């Protein structure tokens, strides 16, 4: 039986993931942790095979630090990032910190179970959407579009944030509409500025309009 710990600070999400796993013949949720400290304590007390980790736990740097800690201290415990962040640069940072899998929170039950089983058997797991994001961010892809005025590749979430920035919504208004935290919105805003190569929101909107990415 593969023993799973879910690390996320949202009760509803933890319950939802546990319901997806319930009924599996070879996977069981043995621990549910809502703080970084509780994860550390549980790992010191209980043998865990796979940690499903929300990288924003409660902030991205905390999640990355926890991911690295688990890999260094408990090498037999595999980490699967289960998060809403779909930015290629963050995915690469998470993998560099030791995660063996990466899934978005809209993943299917089938993908979730496959990811748990894969990392438990010493394999990496990235579903099709994550693989495509990484491919679009490859050096070859970047070189082919550099200097041509080509539109930057945006994730679905980045596109949603860009539209709302153009509408003049505040960070909190966007967070409320998209059911995410204000920190998540600021993360996507920073990612957009980087991808468009602009220093501020005004130039971001101007450039996106010139590229006909927003009205």
N, C-alpha and C. Protein backbone atom coordinates (compact mmCIF):
# COMPACT_ATOMS: atom_id res chain seq x y z
N UNK A 1 0.84 -1.20 0.00
CA UNK A 1 0.00 0.00 0.00
C UNK A 1 0.88 1.25 0.00
N UNK A 2 0.62 2.18 -0.91
CA UNK A 2 1.37 3.42 -1.00
C UNK A 2 0.76 4.43 -0.03
N UNK A 3 1.56 4.87 0.93
CA UNK A 3 1.07 5.78 1.97
C UNK A 3 1.29 7.22 1.53
N UNK A 4 0.21 8.00 1.55
CA UNK A 4 0.23 9.37 1.01
C UNK A 4 -0.05 10.39 2.10
N UNK A 5 0.70 11.47 2.07
CA UNK A 5 0.45 12.63 2.93
C UNK A 5 0.03 13.78 2.02
N UNK A 6 -1.09 14.43 2.35
CA UNK A 6 -1.54 15.60 1.60
C UNK A 6 -1.16 16.84 2.40
N UNK A 7 -0.38 17.74 1.77
CA UNK A 7 0.06 18.96 2.42
C UNK A 7 -0.55 20.16 1.72
N UNK A 8 -1.56 20.73 2.33
CA UNK A 8 -2.27 21.87 1.74
C UNK A 8 -2.99 22.60 2.85
N UNK A 9 -3.07 23.92 2.75
CA UNK A 9 -3.70 24.68 3.83
C UNK A 9 -5.17 24.97 3.58
N UNK A 10 -5.79 24.25 2.65
CA UNK A 10 -7.22 24.41 2.39
C UNK A 10 -7.95 23.09 2.67
N UNK A 11 -8.78 23.09 3.70
CA UNK A 11 -9.50 21.88 4.10
C UNK A 11 -10.30 21.27 2.97
N UNK A 12 -11.02 22.11 2.25
CA UNK A 12 -11.89 21.61 1.19
C UNK A 12 -11.09 20.89 0.12
N UNK A 13 -9.95 21.46 -0.22
CA UNK A 13 -9.12 20.83 -1.25
C UNK A 13 -8.58 19.49 -0.76
N UNK A 14 -8.12 19.45 0.48
CA UNK A 14 -7.60 18.19 1.04
C UNK A 14 -8.67 17.11 1.00
N UNK A 15 -9.87 17.48 1.39
CA UNK A 15 -10.97 16.52 1.38
C UNK A 15 -11.28 16.04 -0.04
N UNK A 16 -11.19 16.97 -0.99
CA UNK A 16 -11.46 16.61 -2.38
C UNK A 16 -10.44 15.64 -2.92
N UNK A 17 -9.16 15.87 -2.63
CA UNK A 17 -8.11 14.97 -3.10
C UNK A 17 -8.25 13.61 -2.42
N UNK A 18 -8.56 13.62 -1.14
CA UNK A 18 -8.73 12.36 -0.44
C UNK A 18 -9.88 11.54 -1.03
N UNK A 19 -10.94 12.22 -1.44
CA UNK A 19 -12.07 11.51 -2.03
C UNK A 19 -11.71 10.89 -3.37
N UNK A 20 -10.81 11.55 -4.11
CA UNK A 20 -10.35 10.98 -5.39
C UNK A 20 -9.53 9.72 -5.17
N UNK A 21 -8.75 9.72 -4.10
CA UNK A 21 -7.87 8.58 -3.83
C UNK A 21 -8.62 7.42 -3.18
N UNK A 22 -9.66 7.74 -2.42
CA UNK A 22 -10.39 6.69 -1.70
C UNK A 22 -10.94 5.66 -2.69
N UNK A 23 -10.85 4.43 -2.33
CA UNK A 23 -11.31 3.37 -3.21
C UNK A 23 -10.19 2.73 -3.99
N UNK A 24 -9.03 3.39 -4.02
CA UNK A 24 -7.88 2.80 -4.71
C UNK A 24 -7.39 1.58 -3.92
N UNK A 25 -7.02 0.55 -4.62
CA UNK A 25 -6.61 -0.69 -3.97
C UNK A 25 -5.19 -0.64 -3.43
N UNK A 26 -4.37 0.26 -3.97
CA UNK A 26 -2.97 0.28 -3.55
C UNK A 26 -2.48 1.64 -3.05
N UNK A 27 -3.40 2.58 -2.85
CA UNK A 27 -3.02 3.91 -2.36
C UNK A 27 -3.97 4.32 -1.24
N UNK A 28 -3.42 4.86 -0.15
CA UNK A 28 -4.26 5.37 0.93
C UNK A 28 -3.69 6.65 1.51
N UNK A 29 -4.57 7.56 1.88
CA UNK A 29 -4.15 8.80 2.53
C UNK A 29 -4.02 8.50 4.02
N UNK A 30 -2.80 8.61 4.53
CA UNK A 30 -2.57 8.30 5.94
C UNK A 30 -2.38 9.56 6.79
N UNK A 31 -2.03 10.68 6.13
CA UNK A 31 -1.82 11.92 6.87
C UNK A 31 -2.36 13.11 6.07
N UNK A 32 -2.89 14.09 6.82
CA UNK A 32 -3.36 15.34 6.22
C UNK A 32 -2.75 16.48 7.03
N UNK A 33 -1.99 17.34 6.37
CA UNK A 33 -1.28 18.40 7.07
C UNK A 33 -1.64 19.77 6.49
N UNK A 34 -1.86 20.72 7.39
CA UNK A 34 -2.31 22.05 6.97
C UNK A 34 -1.28 23.14 7.25
N UNK A 35 -0.14 22.76 7.82
CA UNK A 35 0.96 23.70 8.05
C UNK A 35 2.27 23.00 7.72
N UNK A 36 3.29 23.81 7.44
CA UNK A 36 4.61 23.26 7.14
C UNK A 36 5.14 22.49 8.34
N UNK A 37 4.96 23.04 9.53
CA UNK A 37 5.47 22.39 10.74
C UNK A 37 4.83 21.02 10.95
N UNK A 38 3.53 20.91 10.66
CA UNK A 38 2.86 19.62 10.86
C UNK A 38 3.39 18.58 9.87
N UNK A 39 3.77 19.00 8.67
CA UNK A 39 4.37 18.07 7.71
C UNK A 39 5.68 17.54 8.27
N UNK A 40 6.50 18.43 8.76
CA UNK A 40 7.80 18.04 9.31
C UNK A 40 7.63 17.07 10.47
N UNK A 41 6.67 17.36 11.35
CA UNK A 41 6.42 16.50 12.50
C UNK A 41 5.93 15.12 12.07
N UNK A 42 4.99 15.07 11.13
CA UNK A 42 4.44 13.80 10.68
C UNK A 42 5.49 12.94 10.01
N UNK A 43 6.34 13.56 9.19
CA UNK A 43 7.37 12.80 8.50
C UNK A 43 8.38 12.19 9.49
N UNK A 44 8.58 12.87 10.61
CA UNK A 44 9.51 12.34 11.62
C UNK A 44 8.90 11.20 12.42
N UNK A 45 7.58 11.08 12.35
CA UNK A 45 6.89 10.08 13.16
C UNK A 45 6.33 8.92 12.35
N UNK A 46 6.06 9.15 11.07
CA UNK A 46 5.35 8.17 10.25
C UNK A 46 6.05 7.96 8.92
N UNK A 47 6.14 6.73 8.46
CA UNK A 47 6.72 6.44 7.16
C UNK A 47 5.73 6.83 6.06
N UNK A 48 6.14 7.74 5.21
CA UNK A 48 5.29 8.22 4.12
C UNK A 48 5.99 7.94 2.79
N UNK A 49 5.23 7.44 1.83
CA UNK A 49 5.81 7.13 0.52
C UNK A 49 5.75 8.31 -0.43
N UNK A 50 4.61 9.02 -0.43
CA UNK A 50 4.41 10.12 -1.37
C UNK A 50 3.76 11.31 -0.67
N UNK A 51 4.31 12.49 -0.89
CA UNK A 51 3.71 13.72 -0.38
C UNK A 51 3.12 14.49 -1.56
N UNK A 52 1.83 14.79 -1.46
CA UNK A 52 1.18 15.66 -2.44
C UNK A 52 1.26 17.07 -1.88
N UNK A 53 2.09 17.89 -2.47
CA UNK A 53 2.45 19.18 -1.88
C UNK A 53 1.96 20.36 -2.69
N UNK A 54 1.18 21.22 -2.04
CA UNK A 54 0.82 22.50 -2.65
C UNK A 54 2.03 23.41 -2.51
N UNK A 55 2.63 23.81 -3.62
CA UNK A 55 3.84 24.63 -3.57
C UNK A 55 3.58 25.97 -2.88
N UNK A 56 2.38 26.51 -2.96
CA UNK A 56 2.04 27.74 -2.24
C UNK A 56 1.56 27.35 -0.84
N UNK A 57 2.50 26.95 -0.01
CA UNK A 57 2.13 26.34 1.27
C UNK A 57 2.88 26.96 2.44
N UNK A 58 2.50 28.12 2.98
CA UNK A 58 1.43 28.98 2.46
C UNK A 58 1.90 29.92 1.35
N UNK A 59 3.24 30.03 1.19
CA UNK A 59 3.81 30.86 0.13
C UNK A 59 4.78 30.01 -0.70
N UNK A 60 5.06 30.46 -1.91
CA UNK A 60 5.86 29.66 -2.83
C UNK A 60 7.22 29.30 -2.23
N UNK A 61 7.91 30.26 -1.64
CA UNK A 61 9.24 29.98 -1.10
C UNK A 61 9.17 28.96 0.03
N UNK A 62 8.08 28.98 0.82
CA UNK A 62 7.91 27.97 1.88
C UNK A 62 7.73 26.59 1.26
N UNK A 63 6.91 26.50 0.22
CA UNK A 63 6.68 25.23 -0.43
C UNK A 63 7.94 24.67 -1.06
N UNK A 64 8.72 25.54 -1.71
CA UNK A 64 9.98 25.11 -2.32
C UNK A 64 10.96 24.63 -1.25
N UNK A 65 11.00 25.35 -0.14
CA UNK A 65 11.89 24.95 0.95
C UNK A 65 11.49 23.61 1.53
N UNK A 66 10.19 23.39 1.68
CA UNK A 66 9.71 22.12 2.21
C UNK A 66 10.01 20.98 1.25
N UNK A 67 9.85 21.23 -0.03
CA UNK A 67 10.14 20.23 -1.05
C UNK A 67 11.60 19.80 -0.96
N UNK A 68 12.48 20.78 -0.85
CA UNK A 68 13.91 20.48 -0.76
C UNK A 68 14.24 19.74 0.54
N UNK A 69 13.59 20.15 1.63
CA UNK A 69 13.81 19.49 2.93
C UNK A 69 13.43 18.01 2.87
N UNK A 70 12.27 17.73 2.27
CA UNK A 70 11.81 16.34 2.19
C UNK A 70 12.80 15.50 1.38
N UNK A 71 13.22 16.03 0.23
CA UNK A 71 14.15 15.28 -0.61
C UNK A 71 15.48 15.02 0.06
N UNK A 72 15.95 15.98 0.84
CA UNK A 72 17.25 15.84 1.51
C UNK A 72 17.17 14.96 2.76
N UNK A 73 16.09 15.09 3.51
CA UNK A 73 15.97 14.40 4.80
C UNK A 73 15.32 13.03 4.68
N UNK A 74 14.37 12.91 3.75
CA UNK A 74 13.64 11.65 3.58
C UNK A 74 13.67 11.25 2.10
N UNK A 75 14.84 10.81 1.61
CA UNK A 75 14.98 10.50 0.18
C UNK A 75 14.04 9.41 -0.33
N UNK A 76 13.53 8.58 0.56
CA UNK A 76 12.60 7.53 0.13
C UNK A 76 11.18 8.07 -0.05
N UNK A 77 10.94 9.27 0.45
CA UNK A 77 9.63 9.90 0.30
C UNK A 77 9.63 10.78 -0.95
N UNK A 78 8.72 10.52 -1.86
CA UNK A 78 8.68 11.26 -3.12
C UNK A 78 7.64 12.38 -3.06
N UNK A 79 7.98 13.49 -3.69
CA UNK A 79 7.09 14.66 -3.69
C UNK A 79 6.45 14.85 -5.06
N UNK A 80 5.13 15.02 -5.05
CA UNK A 80 4.41 15.43 -6.25
C UNK A 80 3.82 16.80 -5.97
N UNK A 81 4.23 17.80 -6.74
CA UNK A 81 3.66 19.13 -6.58
C UNK A 81 2.24 19.12 -7.14
N UNK A 82 1.31 19.58 -6.34
CA UNK A 82 -0.09 19.63 -6.76
C UNK A 82 -0.55 21.06 -6.49
N UNK A 83 -0.61 21.86 -7.55
CA UNK A 83 -0.71 23.31 -7.37
C UNK A 83 -1.50 23.96 -8.49
N UNK A 84 -1.78 25.23 -8.35
CA UNK A 84 -2.48 25.97 -9.40
C UNK A 84 -1.50 26.69 -10.32
N UNK A 85 -0.22 26.72 -9.98
CA UNK A 85 0.77 27.47 -10.73
C UNK A 85 1.23 26.71 -11.97
N UNK A 86 1.07 27.34 -13.13
CA UNK A 86 1.40 26.68 -14.39
C UNK A 86 2.47 27.43 -15.17
N UNK A 87 3.36 28.09 -14.45
CA UNK A 87 4.45 28.83 -15.08
C UNK A 87 5.67 27.92 -15.24
N UNK A 88 6.26 27.91 -16.43
CA UNK A 88 7.37 27.01 -16.73
C UNK A 88 8.56 27.22 -15.80
N UNK A 89 8.87 28.48 -15.49
CA UNK A 89 10.02 28.74 -14.64
C UNK A 89 9.82 28.16 -13.24
N UNK A 90 8.60 28.23 -12.73
CA UNK A 90 8.35 27.67 -11.41
C UNK A 90 8.38 26.14 -11.46
N UNK A 91 7.82 25.56 -12.50
CA UNK A 91 7.86 24.10 -12.63
C UNK A 91 9.31 23.61 -12.57
N UNK A 92 10.19 24.31 -13.28
CA UNK A 92 11.61 23.92 -13.31
C UNK A 92 12.25 24.08 -11.94
N UNK A 93 11.87 25.14 -11.21
CA UNK A 93 12.41 25.33 -9.86
C UNK A 93 11.97 24.22 -8.93
N UNK A 94 10.70 23.83 -9.06
CA UNK A 94 10.17 22.77 -8.20
C UNK A 94 10.89 21.45 -8.46
N UNK A 95 11.11 21.15 -9.73
CA UNK A 95 11.82 19.91 -10.07
C UNK A 95 13.26 19.97 -9.55
N UNK A 96 13.88 21.13 -9.69
CA UNK A 96 15.25 21.29 -9.20
C UNK A 96 15.32 21.09 -7.70
N UNK A 97 14.24 21.44 -6.99
CA UNK A 97 14.21 21.27 -5.53
C UNK A 97 13.92 19.82 -5.14
N UNK A 98 13.64 18.97 -6.12
CA UNK A 98 13.50 17.55 -5.79
C UNK A 98 12.17 16.90 -6.07
N UNK A 99 11.17 17.66 -6.53
CA UNK A 99 9.87 17.05 -6.82
C UNK A 99 10.01 16.07 -7.98
N UNK A 100 9.32 14.94 -7.89
CA UNK A 100 9.36 13.93 -8.94
C UNK A 100 8.16 14.02 -9.87
N UNK A 101 7.15 14.79 -9.48
CA UNK A 101 5.97 14.95 -10.32
C UNK A 101 5.40 16.34 -10.15
N UNK A 102 4.61 16.77 -11.13
CA UNK A 102 4.00 18.10 -11.06
C UNK A 102 2.63 18.02 -11.73
N UNK A 103 1.60 18.39 -10.97
CA UNK A 103 0.23 18.38 -11.48
C UNK A 103 -0.47 19.68 -11.11
N UNK A 104 -1.38 20.11 -11.96
CA UNK A 104 -2.22 21.25 -11.62
C UNK A 104 -3.44 20.78 -10.84
N UNK A 105 -4.05 21.68 -10.11
CA UNK A 105 -5.15 21.28 -9.23
C UNK A 105 -6.43 20.90 -9.97
N UNK A 106 -6.44 21.11 -11.27
CA UNK A 106 -7.59 20.65 -12.05
C UNK A 106 -7.35 19.27 -12.66
N UNK A 107 -6.38 18.56 -12.11
CA UNK A 107 -6.03 17.23 -12.62
C UNK A 107 -7.19 16.24 -12.47
N UNK A 108 -7.15 15.20 -13.26
CA UNK A 108 -8.17 14.16 -13.17
C UNK A 108 -7.76 13.11 -12.14
N UNK A 109 -8.71 12.31 -11.73
CA UNK A 109 -8.42 11.22 -10.79
C UNK A 109 -7.40 10.27 -11.40
N UNK A 110 -7.57 9.95 -12.66
CA UNK A 110 -6.66 9.02 -13.33
C UNK A 110 -5.23 9.54 -13.31
N UNK A 111 -5.04 10.84 -13.62
CA UNK A 111 -3.70 11.42 -13.62
C UNK A 111 -3.11 11.43 -12.22
N UNK A 112 -3.93 11.74 -11.24
CA UNK A 112 -3.45 11.78 -9.86
C UNK A 112 -2.93 10.42 -9.41
N UNK A 113 -3.70 9.38 -9.68
CA UNK A 113 -3.29 8.04 -9.28
C UNK A 113 -2.05 7.59 -10.05
N UNK A 114 -2.00 7.92 -11.34
CA UNK A 114 -0.84 7.57 -12.15
C UNK A 114 0.42 8.25 -11.61
N UNK A 115 0.29 9.52 -11.22
CA UNK A 115 1.43 10.27 -10.70
C UNK A 115 1.96 9.64 -9.42
N UNK A 116 1.05 9.31 -8.52
CA UNK A 116 1.46 8.70 -7.24
C UNK A 116 2.18 7.38 -7.49
N UNK A 117 1.61 6.55 -8.35
CA UNK A 117 2.23 5.26 -8.63
C UNK A 117 3.57 5.41 -9.33
N UNK A 118 3.66 6.37 -10.25
CA UNK A 118 4.91 6.56 -11.00
C UNK A 118 6.06 6.98 -10.11
N UNK A 119 5.83 8.01 -9.28
CA UNK A 119 6.94 8.49 -8.44
C UNK A 119 7.31 7.46 -7.38
N UNK A 120 6.33 6.69 -6.92
CA UNK A 120 6.62 5.65 -5.94
C UNK A 120 7.55 4.59 -6.53
N UNK A 121 7.46 4.41 -7.84
CA UNK A 121 8.31 3.42 -8.52
C UNK A 121 9.51 4.10 -9.20
N UNK A 122 9.95 5.21 -8.59
CA UNK A 122 11.19 5.88 -8.99
C UNK A 122 11.13 6.50 -10.39
N UNK A 123 9.95 6.90 -10.84
CA UNK A 123 9.81 7.55 -12.13
C UNK A 123 9.34 8.99 -11.91
N UNK A 124 9.51 9.82 -12.94
CA UNK A 124 8.95 11.17 -12.89
C UNK A 124 7.58 11.16 -13.57
N UNK A 125 6.75 12.13 -13.20
CA UNK A 125 5.43 12.21 -13.83
C UNK A 125 5.05 13.65 -14.11
N UNK A 126 4.80 13.93 -15.39
CA UNK A 126 4.26 15.21 -15.82
C UNK A 126 3.17 14.90 -16.84
N UNK A 127 1.98 15.42 -16.62
CA UNK A 127 0.91 15.12 -17.57
C UNK A 127 1.10 15.93 -18.85
N UNK A 128 0.21 15.76 -19.79
CA UNK A 128 0.37 16.37 -21.11
C UNK A 128 0.45 17.89 -21.06
N UNK A 129 -0.39 18.51 -20.23
CA UNK A 129 -0.41 19.97 -20.19
C UNK A 129 0.89 20.53 -19.63
N UNK A 130 1.44 19.89 -18.59
CA UNK A 130 2.71 20.35 -18.01
C UNK A 130 3.84 20.12 -19.00
N UNK A 131 3.83 18.99 -19.67
CA UNK A 131 4.86 18.70 -20.67
C UNK A 131 4.85 19.75 -21.78
N UNK A 132 3.65 20.15 -22.21
CA UNK A 132 3.54 21.15 -23.28
C UNK A 132 4.06 22.50 -22.82
N UNK A 133 3.78 22.87 -21.58
CA UNK A 133 4.28 24.14 -21.04
C UNK A 133 5.81 24.15 -21.05
N UNK A 134 6.41 23.03 -20.65
CA UNK A 134 7.87 22.94 -20.62
C UNK A 134 8.46 22.95 -22.03
N UNK A 135 7.79 22.30 -22.95
CA UNK A 135 8.26 22.29 -24.35
C UNK A 135 8.21 23.69 -24.95
N UNK A 136 7.15 24.43 -24.65
CA UNK A 136 7.01 25.78 -25.18
C UNK A 136 8.04 26.74 -24.60
N UNK A 137 8.62 26.35 -23.46
CA UNK A 137 9.61 27.21 -22.80
C UNK A 137 11.04 26.71 -23.06
N UNK A 138 11.20 25.75 -23.94
CA UNK A 138 12.53 25.19 -24.21
C UNK A 138 13.41 26.24 -24.88
N UNK A 139 14.74 26.15 -24.72
CA UNK A 139 15.65 27.12 -25.35
C UNK A 139 15.44 27.22 -26.86
N UNK A 140 15.17 26.08 -27.50
CA UNK A 140 14.96 26.08 -28.95
C UNK A 140 13.74 26.91 -29.31
N UNK A 141 12.66 26.76 -28.54
CA UNK A 141 11.44 27.52 -28.82
C UNK A 141 11.67 29.00 -28.59
N UNK A 142 12.39 29.33 -27.51
CA UNK A 142 12.65 30.74 -27.22
C UNK A 142 13.51 31.38 -28.30
N UNK A 143 14.52 30.64 -28.79
CA UNK A 143 15.39 31.18 -29.84
C UNK A 143 14.61 31.41 -31.13
N UNK A 144 13.67 30.53 -31.42
CA UNK A 144 12.93 30.64 -32.68
C UNK A 144 11.99 31.82 -32.71
N UNK A 145 11.61 32.32 -31.52
CA UNK A 145 10.67 33.45 -31.46
C UNK A 145 11.33 34.75 -31.04
N UNK A 146 12.58 34.67 -30.58
CA UNK A 146 13.25 35.86 -30.08
C UNK A 146 13.44 36.89 -31.19
N UNK A 147 13.11 38.14 -30.89
CA UNK A 147 13.34 39.23 -31.83
C UNK A 147 12.39 39.26 -33.01
N UNK A 148 11.39 38.44 -33.02
CA UNK A 148 10.48 38.42 -34.16
C UNK A 148 9.17 39.11 -33.86
N UNK A 149 9.01 39.57 -32.61
CA UNK A 149 7.74 40.17 -32.23
C UNK A 149 6.66 39.13 -32.03
N UNK A 150 7.06 37.87 -31.90
CA UNK A 150 6.09 36.79 -31.71
C UNK A 150 5.41 36.94 -30.35
N UNK A 151 4.18 36.53 -30.29
CA UNK A 151 3.44 36.61 -29.04
C UNK A 151 4.02 35.62 -28.04
N UNK A 152 4.18 36.04 -26.78
CA UNK A 152 4.67 35.11 -25.77
C UNK A 152 3.62 34.04 -25.47
N UNK A 153 4.08 32.86 -25.11
CA UNK A 153 3.14 31.80 -24.74
C UNK A 153 2.65 32.06 -23.31
N UNK A 154 1.34 32.13 -23.15
CA UNK A 154 0.74 32.34 -21.84
C UNK A 154 -0.03 31.10 -21.42
N UNK A 155 0.05 30.79 -20.15
CA UNK A 155 -0.77 29.72 -19.61
C UNK A 155 -2.22 30.21 -19.54
N UNK A 156 -3.19 29.31 -19.42
CA UNK A 156 -4.58 29.73 -19.30
C UNK A 156 -4.80 30.72 -18.15
N UNK A 157 -4.15 30.49 -17.02
CA UNK A 157 -4.32 31.38 -15.87
C UNK A 157 -3.71 32.75 -16.14
N UNK A 158 -2.55 32.77 -16.80
CA UNK A 158 -1.93 34.06 -17.12
C UNK A 158 -2.82 34.86 -18.06
N UNK A 159 -3.46 34.19 -19.00
CA UNK A 159 -4.37 34.89 -19.92
C UNK A 159 -5.54 35.50 -19.16
N UNK A 160 -6.07 34.77 -18.19
CA UNK A 160 -7.18 35.28 -17.38
C UNK A 160 -6.76 36.51 -16.59
N UNK A 161 -5.55 36.47 -16.03
CA UNK A 161 -5.06 37.59 -15.25
C UNK A 161 -4.80 38.79 -16.16
N UNK A 162 -4.23 38.54 -17.33
CA UNK A 162 -3.94 39.63 -18.27
C UNK A 162 -5.21 40.38 -18.65
N UNK A 163 -6.26 39.65 -18.94
CA UNK A 163 -7.54 40.27 -19.31
C UNK A 163 -8.05 41.15 -18.19
N UNK A 164 -7.93 40.67 -16.96
CA UNK A 164 -8.45 41.42 -15.82
C UNK A 164 -7.56 42.62 -15.48
N UNK A 165 -6.27 42.51 -15.74
CA UNK A 165 -5.39 43.67 -15.57
C UNK A 165 -5.82 44.77 -16.54
N UNK A 166 -6.10 44.38 -17.78
CA UNK A 166 -6.53 45.34 -18.79
C UNK A 166 -7.86 45.98 -18.42
N UNK A 167 -8.70 45.26 -17.67
CA UNK A 167 -9.99 45.77 -17.25
C UNK A 167 -9.87 46.71 -16.06
N UNK A 168 -8.65 46.81 -15.51
CA UNK A 168 -8.41 47.72 -14.39
C UNK A 168 -8.76 47.16 -13.03
N UNK A 169 -8.93 45.84 -12.92
CA UNK A 169 -9.28 45.24 -11.63
C UNK A 169 -8.08 45.28 -10.69
N UNK A 170 -8.37 45.38 -9.41
CA UNK A 170 -7.32 45.33 -8.40
C UNK A 170 -6.90 43.88 -8.18
N UNK A 171 -5.78 43.72 -7.50
CA UNK A 171 -5.30 42.37 -7.19
C UNK A 171 -6.34 41.58 -6.43
N UNK A 172 -6.97 42.20 -5.44
CA UNK A 172 -7.96 41.48 -4.63
C UNK A 172 -9.20 41.14 -5.45
N UNK A 173 -9.62 42.04 -6.32
CA UNK A 173 -10.77 41.74 -7.17
C UNK A 173 -10.49 40.55 -8.09
N UNK A 174 -9.28 40.51 -8.65
CA UNK A 174 -8.91 39.38 -9.50
C UNK A 174 -8.86 38.09 -8.70
N UNK A 175 -8.30 38.17 -7.50
CA UNK A 175 -8.21 36.99 -6.65
C UNK A 175 -9.60 36.45 -6.33
N UNK A 176 -10.53 37.33 -6.05
CA UNK A 176 -11.90 36.93 -5.74
C UNK A 176 -12.57 36.28 -6.94
N UNK A 177 -12.41 36.87 -8.10
CA UNK A 177 -13.04 36.34 -9.31
C UNK A 177 -12.48 34.98 -9.70
N UNK A 178 -11.17 34.79 -9.49
CA UNK A 178 -10.51 33.56 -9.95
C UNK A 178 -10.37 32.53 -8.84
N UNK A 179 -10.88 32.86 -7.64
CA UNK A 179 -10.86 31.93 -6.51
C UNK A 179 -9.44 31.50 -6.13
N UNK A 180 -8.52 32.48 -6.13
CA UNK A 180 -7.14 32.22 -5.74
C UNK A 180 -6.73 33.30 -4.74
N UNK A 181 -5.52 33.19 -4.22
CA UNK A 181 -5.02 34.17 -3.26
C UNK A 181 -4.44 35.39 -3.98
N UNK A 182 -4.33 36.48 -3.25
CA UNK A 182 -3.71 37.68 -3.80
C UNK A 182 -2.26 37.41 -4.17
N UNK A 183 -1.59 36.56 -3.38
CA UNK A 183 -0.21 36.19 -3.68
C UNK A 183 -0.11 35.52 -5.04
N UNK A 184 -1.08 34.68 -5.36
CA UNK A 184 -1.07 33.98 -6.65
C UNK A 184 -1.21 34.99 -7.79
N UNK A 185 -2.07 35.99 -7.61
CA UNK A 185 -2.26 37.01 -8.64
C UNK A 185 -0.96 37.77 -8.86
N UNK A 186 -0.29 38.15 -7.78
CA UNK A 186 0.97 38.88 -7.91
C UNK A 186 2.03 38.03 -8.60
N UNK A 187 2.01 36.74 -8.33
CA UNK A 187 2.94 35.83 -9.00
C UNK A 187 2.71 35.85 -10.50
N UNK A 188 1.45 35.74 -10.91
CA UNK A 188 1.13 35.73 -12.34
C UNK A 188 1.43 37.09 -12.98
N UNK A 189 1.20 38.16 -12.24
CA UNK A 189 1.51 39.49 -12.76
C UNK A 189 3.01 39.61 -13.06
N UNK A 190 3.83 39.15 -12.11
CA UNK A 190 5.28 39.20 -12.30
C UNK A 190 5.70 38.35 -13.50
N UNK A 191 5.06 37.20 -13.63
CA UNK A 191 5.37 36.31 -14.76
C UNK A 191 5.03 36.98 -16.08
N UNK A 192 3.90 37.68 -16.13
CA UNK A 192 3.49 38.38 -17.35
C UNK A 192 4.48 39.48 -17.72
N UNK A 193 4.92 40.25 -16.73
CA UNK A 193 5.90 41.30 -17.00
C UNK A 193 7.18 40.72 -17.58
N UNK A 194 7.59 39.58 -17.04
CA UNK A 194 8.81 38.93 -17.51
C UNK A 194 8.63 38.42 -18.95
N UNK A 195 7.50 37.77 -19.22
CA UNK A 195 7.29 37.19 -20.53
C UNK A 195 7.16 38.26 -21.62
N UNK A 196 6.56 39.40 -21.29
CA UNK A 196 6.41 40.47 -22.26
C UNK A 196 7.65 41.37 -22.30
N UNK A 197 8.54 41.20 -21.33
CA UNK A 197 9.76 42.00 -21.29
C UNK A 197 9.52 43.46 -21.03
N UNK A 198 8.56 43.75 -20.13
CA UNK A 198 8.22 45.14 -19.81
C UNK A 198 8.36 45.37 -18.31
N UNK A 199 8.60 46.63 -17.89
CA UNK A 199 8.85 46.90 -16.47
C UNK A 199 7.62 47.21 -15.63
N UNK A 200 6.50 47.51 -16.29
CA UNK A 200 5.33 47.91 -15.50
C UNK A 200 4.03 47.51 -16.19
N UNK A 201 2.93 47.68 -15.44
CA UNK A 201 1.62 47.25 -15.93
C UNK A 201 1.16 48.06 -17.14
N UNK A 202 1.46 49.36 -17.14
CA UNK A 202 1.03 50.21 -18.27
C UNK A 202 1.61 49.70 -19.58
N UNK A 203 2.90 49.39 -19.58
CA UNK A 203 3.55 48.88 -20.79
C UNK A 203 3.09 47.47 -21.11
N UNK A 204 2.75 46.73 -20.08
CA UNK A 204 2.22 45.38 -20.30
C UNK A 204 0.93 45.45 -21.11
N UNK A 205 0.02 46.32 -20.69
CA UNK A 205 -1.27 46.47 -21.39
C UNK A 205 -1.03 46.98 -22.81
N UNK A 206 -0.16 47.98 -22.96
CA UNK A 206 0.12 48.56 -24.28
C UNK A 206 0.68 47.50 -25.23
N UNK A 207 1.64 46.72 -24.74
CA UNK A 207 2.27 45.70 -25.58
C UNK A 207 1.29 44.60 -25.95
N UNK A 208 0.50 44.18 -24.97
CA UNK A 208 -0.49 43.12 -25.22
C UNK A 208 -1.54 43.57 -26.24
N UNK A 209 -1.91 44.86 -26.18
CA UNK A 209 -2.88 45.39 -27.15
C UNK A 209 -2.27 45.44 -28.55
N UNK A 210 -1.00 45.86 -28.64
CA UNK A 210 -0.33 45.92 -29.93
C UNK A 210 -0.22 44.53 -30.56
N UNK A 211 -0.07 43.51 -29.70
CA UNK A 211 0.01 42.13 -30.19
C UNK A 211 -1.37 41.51 -30.38
N UNK A 212 -2.41 42.32 -30.13
CA UNK A 212 -3.80 41.89 -30.27
C UNK A 212 -4.12 40.69 -29.38
N UNK A 213 -3.52 40.70 -28.20
CA UNK A 213 -3.80 39.64 -27.22
C UNK A 213 -4.92 40.04 -26.27
N UNK A 214 -5.22 41.34 -26.25
CA UNK A 214 -6.36 41.86 -25.50
C UNK A 214 -6.98 42.97 -26.33
N UNK A 215 -8.24 43.28 -26.05
CA UNK A 215 -8.93 44.35 -26.78
C UNK A 215 -8.71 45.69 -26.12
